[in-house]
Amino acid sequence: LRAWEQRRTLLRARSTLNHGLMELAEGNWAGAEKRLLKYAGNSETPLLNYLAAARAAQQQGAHERRDQYLRLAHQAMPAADIAVGLTQAELQIAHRQLEQALATLTHLRTLAPRHAYVLTLLMRLYEGLQDWEHLRELLPELRKRKVLDAAASDALEVRVHSALLTALARGRDVAALREDWGRLPRRLHQQAELVLTYAAQLHALGEDNEAEDLLRA
């Protein structure tokens, strides 16, 4: 009788998980949350129940419940640190909790420094925060892990260095601007967008002769 009851509960847990995921996909957040939690303790995959419930709670603006479900997901499967952490970071970014997301992703990077999706989310977050200095530091790893294809990686590199040159010019420090330009790889000195950015900043600081020579060259 005990074995029969256990099988019956397991079947109910499977069915409820399937229905909960279906309701989540259909946008019935409250119904999905309720179903996903009902048999989570008896589920073969409680991690899935709690992660999906966290997404349902997020859609309802219930961030305390979301964080509680993420903690339960981690307790259900402590080895799933990366899966739980990535879900948490995605939900934090979606809710514009950018500082919390940065802390989550920084921790994940210590656990899995080569994880491509961790690097992808960090890249998006730094760009969203306009944290160009940290994004510049991340560029070599993004290339090494092939997070972006060559064209997208080159475009990102140009955006990063353009933003850094513009920020330096705002400080009215011509010497620092020249130094940063000089530190760039020589191949970037041939990038038209970067040349234009640097020349524009030189012009803004009154260095018109230098800007003209650069543009003519």
N, C-alpha and C. Protein backbone atom coordinates (compact mmCIF):
# COMPACT_ATOMS: atom_id res chain seq x y z
N LEU A 1 0.83 -1.19 0.00
CA LEU A 1 0.00 0.00 0.00
C LEU A 1 0.87 1.26 0.00
N ARG A 2 1.95 1.20 0.78
CA ARG A 2 2.85 2.35 0.83
C ARG A 2 3.49 2.59 -0.54
N ALA A 3 3.92 1.50 -1.20
CA ALA A 3 4.54 1.63 -2.52
C ALA A 3 3.54 2.18 -3.53
N TRP A 4 2.29 1.72 -3.44
CA TRP A 4 1.25 2.21 -4.35
C TRP A 4 1.02 3.71 -4.14
N GLU A 5 0.98 4.13 -2.88
CA GLU A 5 0.77 5.54 -2.56
C GLU A 5 1.93 6.40 -3.07
N GLN A 6 3.15 5.86 -2.95
CA GLN A 6 4.32 6.61 -3.43
C GLN A 6 4.28 6.78 -4.95
N ARG A 7 3.89 5.70 -5.65
CA ARG A 7 3.78 5.78 -7.11
C ARG A 7 2.70 6.78 -7.52
N ARG A 8 1.59 6.73 -6.80
CA ARG A 8 0.47 7.64 -7.09
C ARG A 8 0.88 9.10 -6.89
N THR A 9 1.61 9.36 -5.81
CA THR A 9 2.08 10.72 -5.53
C THR A 9 3.07 11.18 -6.59
N LEU A 10 3.94 10.26 -7.00
CA LEU A 10 4.93 10.60 -8.02
C LEU A 10 4.26 10.95 -9.34
N LEU A 11 3.24 10.18 -9.72
CA LEU A 11 2.51 10.46 -10.96
C LEU A 11 1.80 11.81 -10.88
N ARG A 12 1.22 12.09 -9.71
CA ARG A 12 0.57 13.39 -9.53
C ARG A 12 1.59 14.53 -9.65
N ALA A 13 2.77 14.31 -9.05
CA ALA A 13 3.81 15.34 -9.11
C ALA A 13 4.23 15.60 -10.55
N ARG A 14 4.40 14.54 -11.35
CA ARG A 14 4.77 14.70 -12.75
C ARG A 14 3.69 15.47 -13.51
N SER A 15 2.45 15.05 -13.32
CA SER A 15 1.34 15.68 -14.03
C SER A 15 1.20 17.16 -13.65
N THR A 16 1.36 17.44 -12.36
CA THR A 16 1.23 18.82 -11.89
C THR A 16 2.36 19.69 -12.42
N LEU A 17 3.59 19.13 -12.48
CA LEU A 17 4.71 19.87 -13.06
C LEU A 17 4.44 20.21 -14.51
N ASN A 18 3.96 19.22 -15.28
CA ASN A 18 3.66 19.47 -16.70
C ASN A 18 2.61 20.56 -16.86
N HIS A 19 1.54 20.49 -16.06
CA HIS A 19 0.50 21.51 -16.15
C HIS A 19 1.01 22.87 -15.71
N GLY A 20 1.86 22.87 -14.69
CA GLY A 20 2.43 24.13 -14.21
C GLY A 20 3.29 24.80 -15.27
N LEU A 21 4.13 24.00 -15.95
CA LEU A 21 4.97 24.54 -17.01
C LEU A 21 4.12 25.04 -18.19
N MET A 22 3.02 24.33 -18.47
CA MET A 22 2.13 24.75 -19.53
C MET A 22 1.50 26.11 -19.19
N GLU A 23 1.05 26.25 -17.93
CA GLU A 23 0.45 27.52 -17.53
C GLU A 23 1.47 28.65 -17.53
N LEU A 24 2.72 28.33 -17.17
CA LEU A 24 3.78 29.32 -17.21
C LEU A 24 3.98 29.81 -18.65
N ALA A 25 4.01 28.88 -19.60
CA ALA A 25 4.18 29.23 -21.01
C ALA A 25 3.00 30.05 -21.53
N GLU A 26 1.80 29.81 -20.96
CA GLU A 26 0.59 30.53 -21.41
C GLU A 26 0.41 31.88 -20.71
N GLY A 27 1.28 32.16 -19.73
CA GLY A 27 1.19 33.45 -19.05
C GLY A 27 0.25 33.48 -17.87
N ASN A 28 -0.20 32.32 -17.41
CA ASN A 28 -1.04 32.27 -16.21
C ASN A 28 -0.12 32.13 -15.00
N TRP A 29 0.45 33.27 -14.59
CA TRP A 29 1.52 33.24 -13.59
C TRP A 29 1.07 32.70 -12.24
N ALA A 30 -0.07 33.17 -11.75
CA ALA A 30 -0.54 32.75 -10.42
C ALA A 30 -0.87 31.25 -10.41
N GLY A 31 -1.58 30.80 -11.46
CA GLY A 31 -1.93 29.39 -11.56
C GLY A 31 -0.69 28.52 -11.68
N ALA A 32 0.29 28.98 -12.47
CA ALA A 32 1.53 28.23 -12.64
C ALA A 32 2.27 28.11 -11.32
N GLU A 33 2.38 29.22 -10.60
CA GLU A 33 3.09 29.20 -9.32
C GLU A 33 2.45 28.19 -8.35
N LYS A 34 1.12 28.22 -8.29
CA LYS A 34 0.41 27.33 -7.37
C LYS A 34 0.65 25.86 -7.73
N ARG A 35 0.52 25.54 -9.02
CA ARG A 35 0.71 24.15 -9.43
C ARG A 35 2.14 23.68 -9.23
N LEU A 36 3.09 24.53 -9.58
CA LEU A 36 4.49 24.14 -9.50
C LEU A 36 4.94 23.85 -8.07
N LEU A 37 4.29 24.50 -7.11
CA LEU A 37 4.67 24.31 -5.71
C LEU A 37 3.93 23.15 -5.05
N LYS A 38 2.79 22.78 -5.62
CA LYS A 38 1.91 21.83 -4.92
C LYS A 38 2.60 20.52 -4.57
N TYR A 39 3.31 19.95 -5.52
CA TYR A 39 3.99 18.67 -5.27
C TYR A 39 5.51 18.79 -5.40
N ALA A 40 6.04 20.00 -5.22
CA ALA A 40 7.48 20.20 -5.40
C ALA A 40 8.28 19.28 -4.48
N GLY A 41 7.79 19.08 -3.25
CA GLY A 41 8.50 18.23 -2.30
C GLY A 41 8.51 16.77 -2.68
N ASN A 42 7.57 16.36 -3.55
CA ASN A 42 7.50 14.96 -3.99
C ASN A 42 8.01 14.77 -5.41
N SER A 43 8.46 15.84 -6.02
CA SER A 43 8.86 15.78 -7.42
C SER A 43 10.18 15.05 -7.59
N GLU A 44 10.35 14.41 -8.76
CA GLU A 44 11.65 13.81 -9.11
C GLU A 44 12.65 14.90 -9.44
N THR A 45 12.14 16.06 -9.85
CA THR A 45 13.01 17.17 -10.27
C THR A 45 12.58 18.46 -9.55
N PRO A 46 12.73 18.53 -8.24
CA PRO A 46 12.29 19.72 -7.51
C PRO A 46 13.00 20.99 -7.99
N LEU A 47 14.21 20.85 -8.51
CA LEU A 47 14.93 22.01 -9.03
C LEU A 47 14.10 22.71 -10.10
N LEU A 48 13.52 21.92 -11.04
CA LEU A 48 12.70 22.50 -12.10
C LEU A 48 11.46 23.18 -11.53
N ASN A 49 10.82 22.55 -10.55
CA ASN A 49 9.63 23.15 -9.94
C ASN A 49 9.94 24.53 -9.36
N TYR A 50 11.03 24.61 -8.59
CA TYR A 50 11.33 25.86 -7.89
C TYR A 50 11.84 26.94 -8.85
N LEU A 51 12.63 26.55 -9.85
CA LEU A 51 13.11 27.55 -10.81
C LEU A 51 11.95 28.12 -11.61
N ALA A 52 11.04 27.26 -12.03
CA ALA A 52 9.88 27.73 -12.78
C ALA A 52 8.97 28.57 -11.90
N ALA A 53 8.80 28.17 -10.64
CA ALA A 53 7.99 28.96 -9.70
C ALA A 53 8.60 30.34 -9.47
N ALA A 54 9.94 30.41 -9.45
CA ALA A 54 10.61 31.70 -9.30
C ALA A 54 10.30 32.61 -10.48
N ARG A 55 10.26 32.04 -11.68
CA ARG A 55 9.92 32.85 -12.87
C ARG A 55 8.46 33.33 -12.79
N ALA A 56 7.57 32.46 -12.32
CA ALA A 56 6.16 32.84 -12.19
C ALA A 56 6.00 33.96 -11.15
N ALA A 57 6.71 33.84 -10.04
CA ALA A 57 6.63 34.88 -9.00
C ALA A 57 7.18 36.21 -9.52
N GLN A 58 8.27 36.15 -10.28
CA GLN A 58 8.86 37.37 -10.87
C GLN A 58 7.85 38.11 -11.72
N GLN A 59 7.09 37.35 -12.53
CA GLN A 59 6.12 37.98 -13.43
C GLN A 59 4.99 38.66 -12.67
N GLN A 60 4.81 38.26 -11.42
CA GLN A 60 3.77 38.89 -10.58
C GLN A 60 4.33 40.01 -9.70
N GLY A 61 5.64 40.27 -9.87
CA GLY A 61 6.26 41.30 -9.05
C GLY A 61 6.53 40.87 -7.62
N ALA A 62 6.46 39.57 -7.35
CA ALA A 62 6.66 39.04 -5.99
C ALA A 62 8.12 38.63 -5.83
N HIS A 63 8.97 39.60 -5.60
CA HIS A 63 10.41 39.32 -5.63
C HIS A 63 10.90 38.60 -4.39
N GLU A 64 10.22 38.79 -3.27
CA GLU A 64 10.61 38.04 -2.07
C GLU A 64 10.31 36.56 -2.25
N ARG A 65 9.13 36.26 -2.83
CA ARG A 65 8.80 34.86 -3.09
C ARG A 65 9.76 34.28 -4.13
N ARG A 66 10.08 35.07 -5.14
CA ARG A 66 11.04 34.62 -6.16
C ARG A 66 12.36 34.19 -5.51
N ASP A 67 12.88 35.03 -4.63
CA ASP A 67 14.17 34.72 -3.99
C ASP A 67 14.05 33.50 -3.07
N GLN A 68 12.89 33.36 -2.44
CA GLN A 68 12.67 32.19 -1.58
C GLN A 68 12.71 30.91 -2.41
N TYR A 69 12.06 30.92 -3.59
CA TYR A 69 12.04 29.73 -4.44
C TYR A 69 13.45 29.41 -4.96
N LEU A 70 14.22 30.45 -5.23
CA LEU A 70 15.60 30.21 -5.69
C LEU A 70 16.42 29.56 -4.58
N ARG A 71 16.18 29.98 -3.34
CA ARG A 71 16.89 29.34 -2.21
C ARG A 71 16.47 27.88 -2.09
N LEU A 72 15.18 27.61 -2.26
CA LEU A 72 14.69 26.23 -2.18
C LEU A 72 15.27 25.38 -3.32
N ALA A 73 15.41 26.00 -4.50
CA ALA A 73 16.01 25.29 -5.63
C ALA A 73 17.44 24.89 -5.31
N HIS A 74 18.18 25.79 -4.69
CA HIS A 74 19.56 25.48 -4.34
C HIS A 74 19.62 24.39 -3.28
N GLN A 75 18.70 24.46 -2.30
CA GLN A 75 18.67 23.42 -1.26
C GLN A 75 18.31 22.06 -1.86
N ALA A 76 17.42 22.07 -2.86
CA ALA A 76 17.00 20.81 -3.47
C ALA A 76 18.14 20.16 -4.24
N MET A 77 19.02 20.98 -4.83
CA MET A 77 20.15 20.43 -5.58
C MET A 77 21.34 21.38 -5.45
N PRO A 78 22.11 21.25 -4.38
CA PRO A 78 23.24 22.16 -4.16
C PRO A 78 24.25 22.16 -5.31
N ALA A 79 24.35 21.07 -6.04
CA ALA A 79 25.31 20.99 -7.14
C ALA A 79 24.90 21.86 -8.32
N ALA A 80 23.67 22.36 -8.31
CA ALA A 80 23.17 23.15 -9.44
C ALA A 80 23.39 24.65 -9.22
N ASP A 81 24.51 24.99 -8.61
CA ASP A 81 24.84 26.39 -8.33
C ASP A 81 24.71 27.28 -9.56
N ILE A 82 25.27 26.80 -10.68
CA ILE A 82 25.32 27.63 -11.89
C ILE A 82 23.92 27.84 -12.44
N ALA A 83 23.13 26.77 -12.53
CA ALA A 83 21.77 26.88 -13.06
C ALA A 83 20.92 27.83 -12.22
N VAL A 84 21.01 27.70 -10.91
CA VAL A 84 20.22 28.57 -10.01
C VAL A 84 20.73 30.00 -10.12
N GLY A 85 22.05 30.17 -10.10
CA GLY A 85 22.62 31.51 -10.17
C GLY A 85 22.29 32.23 -11.47
N LEU A 86 22.34 31.50 -12.59
CA LEU A 86 22.01 32.12 -13.88
C LEU A 86 20.54 32.53 -13.93
N THR A 87 19.67 31.68 -13.40
CA THR A 87 18.25 32.04 -13.35
C THR A 87 18.07 33.30 -12.51
N GLN A 88 18.74 33.34 -11.36
CA GLN A 88 18.64 34.51 -10.49
C GLN A 88 19.13 35.77 -11.21
N ALA A 89 20.26 35.66 -11.88
CA ALA A 89 20.81 36.83 -12.59
C ALA A 89 19.88 37.29 -13.70
N GLU A 90 19.33 36.35 -14.47
CA GLU A 90 18.39 36.71 -15.54
C GLU A 90 17.18 37.46 -14.98
N LEU A 91 16.64 36.95 -13.88
CA LEU A 91 15.45 37.58 -13.29
C LEU A 91 15.79 38.95 -12.70
N GLN A 92 16.96 39.08 -12.10
CA GLN A 92 17.38 40.37 -11.56
C GLN A 92 17.57 41.39 -12.67
N ILE A 93 18.17 40.96 -13.78
CA ILE A 93 18.35 41.88 -14.91
C ILE A 93 17.00 42.30 -15.47
N ALA A 94 16.09 41.34 -15.61
CA ALA A 94 14.76 41.65 -16.13
C ALA A 94 14.03 42.66 -15.26
N HIS A 95 14.28 42.63 -13.97
CA HIS A 95 13.63 43.56 -13.03
C HIS A 95 14.48 44.82 -12.80
N ARG A 96 15.57 44.96 -13.58
CA ARG A 96 16.46 46.12 -13.48
C ARG A 96 17.15 46.20 -12.13
N GLN A 97 17.34 45.07 -11.47
CA GLN A 97 18.13 45.02 -10.24
C GLN A 97 19.58 44.77 -10.65
N LEU A 98 20.18 45.79 -11.26
CA LEU A 98 21.45 45.59 -11.95
C LEU A 98 22.62 45.38 -11.00
N GLU A 99 22.63 46.09 -9.89
CA GLU A 99 23.72 45.91 -8.94
C GLU A 99 23.69 44.51 -8.33
N GLN A 100 22.45 44.04 -7.99
CA GLN A 100 22.33 42.68 -7.45
C GLN A 100 22.74 41.64 -8.51
N ALA A 101 22.34 41.89 -9.77
CA ALA A 101 22.71 40.97 -10.85
C ALA A 101 24.22 40.92 -11.02
N LEU A 102 24.86 42.08 -10.89
CA LEU A 102 26.32 42.12 -11.02
C LEU A 102 26.99 41.30 -9.92
N ALA A 103 26.47 41.41 -8.69
CA ALA A 103 27.02 40.62 -7.59
C ALA A 103 26.83 39.12 -7.85
N THR A 104 25.64 38.75 -8.35
CA THR A 104 25.36 37.34 -8.65
C THR A 104 26.31 36.81 -9.72
N LEU A 105 26.48 37.58 -10.80
CA LEU A 105 27.32 37.12 -11.91
C LEU A 105 28.81 37.11 -11.54
N THR A 106 29.22 38.07 -10.73
CA THR A 106 30.62 38.08 -10.28
C THR A 106 30.92 36.82 -9.47
N HIS A 107 29.96 36.44 -8.61
CA HIS A 107 30.12 35.20 -7.83
C HIS A 107 30.15 33.99 -8.75
N LEU A 108 29.26 33.96 -9.74
CA LEU A 108 29.22 32.83 -10.67
C LEU A 108 30.52 32.72 -11.46
N ARG A 109 31.12 33.85 -11.77
CA ARG A 109 32.37 33.81 -12.53
C ARG A 109 33.51 33.20 -11.72
N THR A 110 33.45 33.39 -10.39
CA THR A 110 34.47 32.73 -9.56
C THR A 110 34.26 31.22 -9.55
N LEU A 111 32.99 30.79 -9.68
CA LEU A 111 32.70 29.35 -9.69
C LEU A 111 33.00 28.72 -11.05
N ALA A 112 32.71 29.48 -12.12
CA ALA A 112 32.87 28.94 -13.48
C ALA A 112 33.43 30.04 -14.38
N PRO A 113 34.73 30.31 -14.29
CA PRO A 113 35.31 31.44 -15.03
C PRO A 113 35.23 31.31 -16.54
N ARG A 114 35.04 30.07 -17.04
CA ARG A 114 35.01 29.88 -18.50
C ARG A 114 33.59 29.70 -19.04
N HIS A 115 32.60 29.83 -18.20
CA HIS A 115 31.22 29.56 -18.63
C HIS A 115 30.76 30.65 -19.61
N ALA A 116 30.42 30.23 -20.83
CA ALA A 116 30.12 31.20 -21.89
C ALA A 116 28.90 32.06 -21.56
N TYR A 117 27.85 31.46 -20.97
CA TYR A 117 26.65 32.25 -20.72
C TYR A 117 26.85 33.22 -19.56
N VAL A 118 27.66 32.85 -18.58
CA VAL A 118 28.01 33.79 -17.51
C VAL A 118 28.71 35.00 -18.11
N LEU A 119 29.65 34.75 -19.02
CA LEU A 119 30.37 35.84 -19.69
C LEU A 119 29.42 36.68 -20.54
N THR A 120 28.46 36.02 -21.21
CA THR A 120 27.50 36.74 -22.04
C THR A 120 26.66 37.70 -21.20
N LEU A 121 26.14 37.22 -20.07
CA LEU A 121 25.33 38.08 -19.21
C LEU A 121 26.16 39.21 -18.61
N LEU A 122 27.41 38.91 -18.23
CA LEU A 122 28.29 39.97 -17.71
C LEU A 122 28.52 41.04 -18.78
N MET A 123 28.75 40.61 -20.01
CA MET A 123 28.96 41.55 -21.12
C MET A 123 27.74 42.47 -21.29
N ARG A 124 26.54 41.87 -21.32
CA ARG A 124 25.32 42.67 -21.48
C ARG A 124 25.12 43.62 -20.31
N LEU A 125 25.44 43.13 -19.12
CA LEU A 125 25.24 43.95 -17.93
C LEU A 125 26.20 45.13 -17.91
N TYR A 126 27.47 44.88 -18.19
CA TYR A 126 28.44 45.98 -18.22
C TYR A 126 28.06 47.02 -19.27
N GLU A 127 27.58 46.55 -20.42
CA GLU A 127 27.19 47.50 -21.46
C GLU A 127 25.96 48.29 -21.02
N GLY A 128 25.00 47.61 -20.38
CA GLY A 128 23.82 48.30 -19.88
C GLY A 128 24.16 49.34 -18.81
N LEU A 129 25.14 49.02 -17.98
CA LEU A 129 25.58 49.95 -16.93
C LEU A 129 26.57 50.99 -17.45
N GLN A 130 26.98 50.83 -18.72
CA GLN A 130 28.01 51.68 -19.33
C GLN A 130 29.30 51.64 -18.52
N ASP A 131 29.60 50.45 -18.03
CA ASP A 131 30.84 50.22 -17.29
C ASP A 131 31.90 49.77 -18.30
N TRP A 132 32.41 50.76 -19.05
CA TRP A 132 33.27 50.46 -20.19
C TRP A 132 34.62 49.90 -19.75
N GLU A 133 35.11 50.34 -18.61
CA GLU A 133 36.42 49.87 -18.15
C GLU A 133 36.40 48.37 -17.87
N HIS A 134 35.38 47.90 -17.14
CA HIS A 134 35.29 46.47 -16.87
C HIS A 134 35.00 45.68 -18.16
N LEU A 135 34.24 46.29 -19.06
CA LEU A 135 33.95 45.61 -20.32
C LEU A 135 35.23 45.47 -21.16
N ARG A 136 36.10 46.48 -21.10
CA ARG A 136 37.38 46.38 -21.80
C ARG A 136 38.20 45.21 -21.23
N GLU A 137 38.19 45.07 -19.92
CA GLU A 137 38.93 43.97 -19.30
C GLU A 137 38.36 42.61 -19.69
N LEU A 138 37.06 42.58 -19.97
CA LEU A 138 36.39 41.32 -20.31
C LEU A 138 36.61 40.93 -21.78
N LEU A 139 36.95 41.88 -22.64
CA LEU A 139 37.03 41.63 -24.08
C LEU A 139 37.92 40.44 -24.46
N PRO A 140 39.14 40.32 -23.90
CA PRO A 140 39.98 39.17 -24.30
C PRO A 140 39.34 37.82 -23.98
N GLU A 141 38.64 37.74 -22.84
CA GLU A 141 38.00 36.48 -22.47
C GLU A 141 36.82 36.19 -23.39
N LEU A 142 36.09 37.22 -23.79
CA LEU A 142 34.97 37.04 -24.71
C LEU A 142 35.46 36.49 -26.05
N ARG A 143 36.61 37.00 -26.50
CA ARG A 143 37.18 36.49 -27.76
C ARG A 143 37.67 35.05 -27.59
N LYS A 144 38.36 34.81 -26.49
CA LYS A 144 38.96 33.50 -26.26
C LYS A 144 37.89 32.41 -26.18
N ARG A 145 36.77 32.72 -25.51
CA ARG A 145 35.70 31.73 -25.35
C ARG A 145 34.70 31.74 -26.50
N LYS A 146 34.97 32.61 -27.51
CA LYS A 146 34.10 32.70 -28.69
C LYS A 146 32.64 32.98 -28.29
N VAL A 147 32.47 33.86 -27.32
CA VAL A 147 31.12 34.26 -26.91
C VAL A 147 30.43 35.00 -28.05
N LEU A 148 31.22 35.77 -28.83
CA LEU A 148 30.70 36.48 -30.00
C LEU A 148 31.46 36.02 -31.23
N ASP A 149 30.84 36.17 -32.40
CA ASP A 149 31.60 35.89 -33.61
C ASP A 149 32.56 37.06 -33.86
N ALA A 150 33.43 36.92 -34.83
CA ALA A 150 34.51 37.90 -35.03
C ALA A 150 33.96 39.29 -35.32
N ALA A 151 32.93 39.38 -36.17
CA ALA A 151 32.39 40.70 -36.54
C ALA A 151 31.75 41.39 -35.34
N ALA A 152 30.97 40.64 -34.55
CA ALA A 152 30.31 41.23 -33.37
C ALA A 152 31.34 41.62 -32.32
N SER A 153 32.39 40.81 -32.19
CA SER A 153 33.45 41.11 -31.22
C SER A 153 34.20 42.39 -31.61
N ASP A 154 34.48 42.54 -32.91
CA ASP A 154 35.15 43.76 -33.39
C ASP A 154 34.28 44.99 -33.15
N ALA A 155 32.98 44.86 -33.43
CA ALA A 155 32.06 45.99 -33.24
C ALA A 155 31.98 46.38 -31.77
N LEU A 156 31.93 45.38 -30.89
CA LEU A 156 31.89 45.68 -29.45
C LEU A 156 33.16 46.38 -29.01
N GLU A 157 34.31 45.91 -29.52
CA GLU A 157 35.58 46.52 -29.15
C GLU A 157 35.62 48.00 -29.55
N VAL A 158 35.11 48.30 -30.73
CA VAL A 158 35.07 49.70 -31.20
C VAL A 158 34.15 50.52 -30.30
N ARG A 159 32.99 49.99 -29.95
CA ARG A 159 32.05 50.73 -29.07
C ARG A 159 32.69 51.02 -27.72
N VAL A 160 33.36 50.02 -27.17
CA VAL A 160 33.98 50.17 -25.84
C VAL A 160 35.04 51.27 -25.88
N HIS A 161 35.94 51.21 -26.85
CA HIS A 161 37.04 52.18 -26.89
C HIS A 161 36.54 53.58 -27.28
N SER A 162 35.51 53.65 -28.10
CA SER A 162 34.91 54.96 -28.42
C SER A 162 34.35 55.61 -27.16
N ALA A 163 33.65 54.81 -26.36
CA ALA A 163 33.06 55.33 -25.12
C ALA A 163 34.15 55.76 -24.13
N LEU A 164 35.24 54.99 -24.04
CA LEU A 164 36.33 55.33 -23.12
C LEU A 164 37.04 56.61 -23.56
N LEU A 165 37.25 56.78 -24.87
CA LEU A 165 37.88 58.01 -25.37
C LEU A 165 36.99 59.22 -25.09
N THR A 166 35.70 59.06 -25.31
CA THR A 166 34.77 60.17 -25.05
C THR A 166 34.75 60.54 -23.57
N ALA A 167 34.79 59.52 -22.71
CA ALA A 167 34.78 59.78 -21.26
C ALA A 167 36.06 60.51 -20.84
N LEU A 168 37.19 60.14 -21.42
CA LEU A 168 38.45 60.81 -21.08
C LEU A 168 38.43 62.27 -21.51
N ALA A 169 37.84 62.54 -22.67
CA ALA A 169 37.79 63.93 -23.15
C ALA A 169 36.95 64.80 -22.24
N ARG A 170 35.92 64.21 -21.62
CA ARG A 170 35.09 64.99 -20.69
C ARG A 170 35.91 65.48 -19.50
N GLY A 171 36.98 64.75 -19.17
CA GLY A 171 37.84 65.16 -18.07
C GLY A 171 38.81 66.27 -18.44
N ARG A 172 38.78 66.72 -19.73
CA ARG A 172 39.62 67.82 -20.21
C ARG A 172 41.11 67.53 -20.07
N ASP A 173 41.48 66.26 -20.11
CA ASP A 173 42.88 65.88 -19.94
C ASP A 173 43.40 65.34 -21.27
N VAL A 174 44.05 66.24 -22.05
CA VAL A 174 44.54 65.86 -23.38
C VAL A 174 45.61 64.78 -23.29
N ALA A 175 46.49 64.90 -22.28
CA ALA A 175 47.57 63.92 -22.14
C ALA A 175 47.02 62.51 -21.91
N ALA A 176 45.99 62.40 -21.05
CA ALA A 176 45.38 61.09 -20.78
C ALA A 176 44.70 60.55 -22.03
N LEU A 177 44.08 61.45 -22.81
CA LEU A 177 43.42 61.05 -24.04
C LEU A 177 44.44 60.48 -25.03
N ARG A 178 45.56 61.20 -25.20
CA ARG A 178 46.61 60.72 -26.12
C ARG A 178 47.19 59.39 -25.63
N GLU A 179 47.38 59.28 -24.33
CA GLU A 179 47.95 58.05 -23.78
C GLU A 179 47.04 56.86 -24.04
N ASP A 180 45.74 57.06 -23.86
CA ASP A 180 44.80 55.96 -24.09
C ASP A 180 44.79 55.56 -25.56
N TRP A 181 44.83 56.56 -26.45
CA TRP A 181 44.88 56.27 -27.88
C TRP A 181 46.15 55.49 -28.23
N GLY A 182 47.26 55.89 -27.63
CA GLY A 182 48.52 55.22 -27.89
C GLY A 182 48.55 53.78 -27.40
N ARG A 183 47.75 53.47 -26.36
CA ARG A 183 47.73 52.10 -25.82
C ARG A 183 46.88 51.15 -26.65
N LEU A 184 46.06 51.70 -27.53
CA LEU A 184 45.20 50.82 -28.34
C LEU A 184 46.04 49.97 -29.29
N PRO A 185 45.61 48.74 -29.56
CA PRO A 185 46.30 47.93 -30.58
C PRO A 185 46.35 48.69 -31.91
N ARG A 186 47.44 48.54 -32.64
CA ARG A 186 47.62 49.33 -33.87
C ARG A 186 46.52 49.07 -34.89
N ARG A 187 45.98 47.86 -34.89
CA ARG A 187 44.90 47.56 -35.85
C ARG A 187 43.69 48.46 -35.62
N LEU A 188 43.47 48.88 -34.36
CA LEU A 188 42.33 49.74 -34.07
C LEU A 188 42.55 51.17 -34.56
N HIS A 189 43.80 51.55 -34.79
CA HIS A 189 44.07 52.88 -35.32
C HIS A 189 43.60 53.01 -36.77
N GLN A 190 43.24 51.88 -37.38
CA GLN A 190 42.72 51.90 -38.76
C GLN A 190 41.19 51.86 -38.80
N GLN A 191 40.56 51.79 -37.63
CA GLN A 191 39.10 51.73 -37.58
C GLN A 191 38.53 53.15 -37.72
N ALA A 192 37.80 53.37 -38.81
CA ALA A 192 37.32 54.73 -39.11
C ALA A 192 36.50 55.33 -37.96
N GLU A 193 35.63 54.52 -37.37
CA GLU A 193 34.79 55.05 -36.29
C GLU A 193 35.62 55.52 -35.10
N LEU A 194 36.66 54.76 -34.77
CA LEU A 194 37.52 55.14 -33.65
C LEU A 194 38.35 56.38 -33.99
N VAL A 195 38.86 56.44 -35.22
CA VAL A 195 39.63 57.62 -35.64
C VAL A 195 38.75 58.87 -35.54
N LEU A 196 37.52 58.76 -36.01
CA LEU A 196 36.60 59.90 -35.95
C LEU A 196 36.30 60.30 -34.50
N THR A 197 36.11 59.31 -33.64
CA THR A 197 35.86 59.61 -32.23
C THR A 197 37.04 60.34 -31.61
N TYR A 198 38.24 59.81 -31.86
CA TYR A 198 39.44 60.43 -31.27
C TYR A 198 39.64 61.85 -31.81
N ALA A 199 39.47 62.02 -33.13
CA ALA A 199 39.62 63.35 -33.73
C ALA A 199 38.59 64.33 -33.16
N ALA A 200 37.37 63.85 -32.98
CA ALA A 200 36.31 64.71 -32.42
C ALA A 200 36.65 65.14 -31.00
N GLN A 201 37.22 64.24 -30.22
CA GLN A 201 37.59 64.61 -28.84
C GLN A 201 38.78 65.58 -28.82
N LEU A 202 39.74 65.39 -29.75
CA LEU A 202 40.84 66.34 -29.86
C LEU A 202 40.31 67.73 -30.23
N HIS A 203 39.38 67.77 -31.17
CA HIS A 203 38.77 69.04 -31.57
C HIS A 203 38.06 69.69 -30.39
N ALA A 204 37.33 68.87 -29.62
CA ALA A 204 36.60 69.42 -28.46
C ALA A 204 37.55 70.03 -27.43
N LEU A 205 38.77 69.53 -27.40
CA LEU A 205 39.75 70.04 -26.44
C LEU A 205 40.68 71.08 -27.06
N GLY A 206 40.35 71.53 -28.28
CA GLY A 206 41.11 72.61 -28.90
C GLY A 206 42.36 72.17 -29.63
N GLU A 207 42.55 70.87 -29.80
CA GLU A 207 43.74 70.36 -30.49
C GLU A 207 43.43 70.14 -31.97
N ASP A 208 43.08 71.24 -32.67
CA ASP A 208 42.59 71.12 -34.05
C ASP A 208 43.67 70.69 -35.03
N ASN A 209 44.90 71.18 -34.85
CA ASN A 209 45.97 70.79 -35.78
C ASN A 209 46.22 69.29 -35.73
N GLU A 210 46.25 68.74 -34.49
CA GLU A 210 46.47 67.32 -34.34
C GLU A 210 45.30 66.51 -34.94
N ALA A 211 44.08 67.01 -34.71
CA ALA A 211 42.89 66.32 -35.26
C ALA A 211 42.93 66.35 -36.78
N GLU A 212 43.33 67.49 -37.37
CA GLU A 212 43.37 67.60 -38.83
C GLU A 212 44.41 66.64 -39.41
N ASP A 213 45.61 66.60 -38.80
CA ASP A 213 46.65 65.70 -39.28
C ASP A 213 46.19 64.25 -39.25
N LEU A 214 45.51 63.89 -38.16
CA LEU A 214 45.01 62.52 -38.01
C LEU A 214 44.01 62.18 -39.10
N LEU A 215 43.07 63.09 -39.35
CA LEU A 215 42.02 62.84 -40.35
C LEU A 215 42.61 62.79 -41.76
N ARG A 216 43.57 63.67 -42.06
CA ARG A 216 44.20 63.65 -43.38
C ARG A 216 44.96 62.34 -43.59
N ALA A 217 45.64 61.90 -42.56
CA ALA A 217 46.39 60.64 -42.67
C ALA A 217 45.45 59.47 -42.91
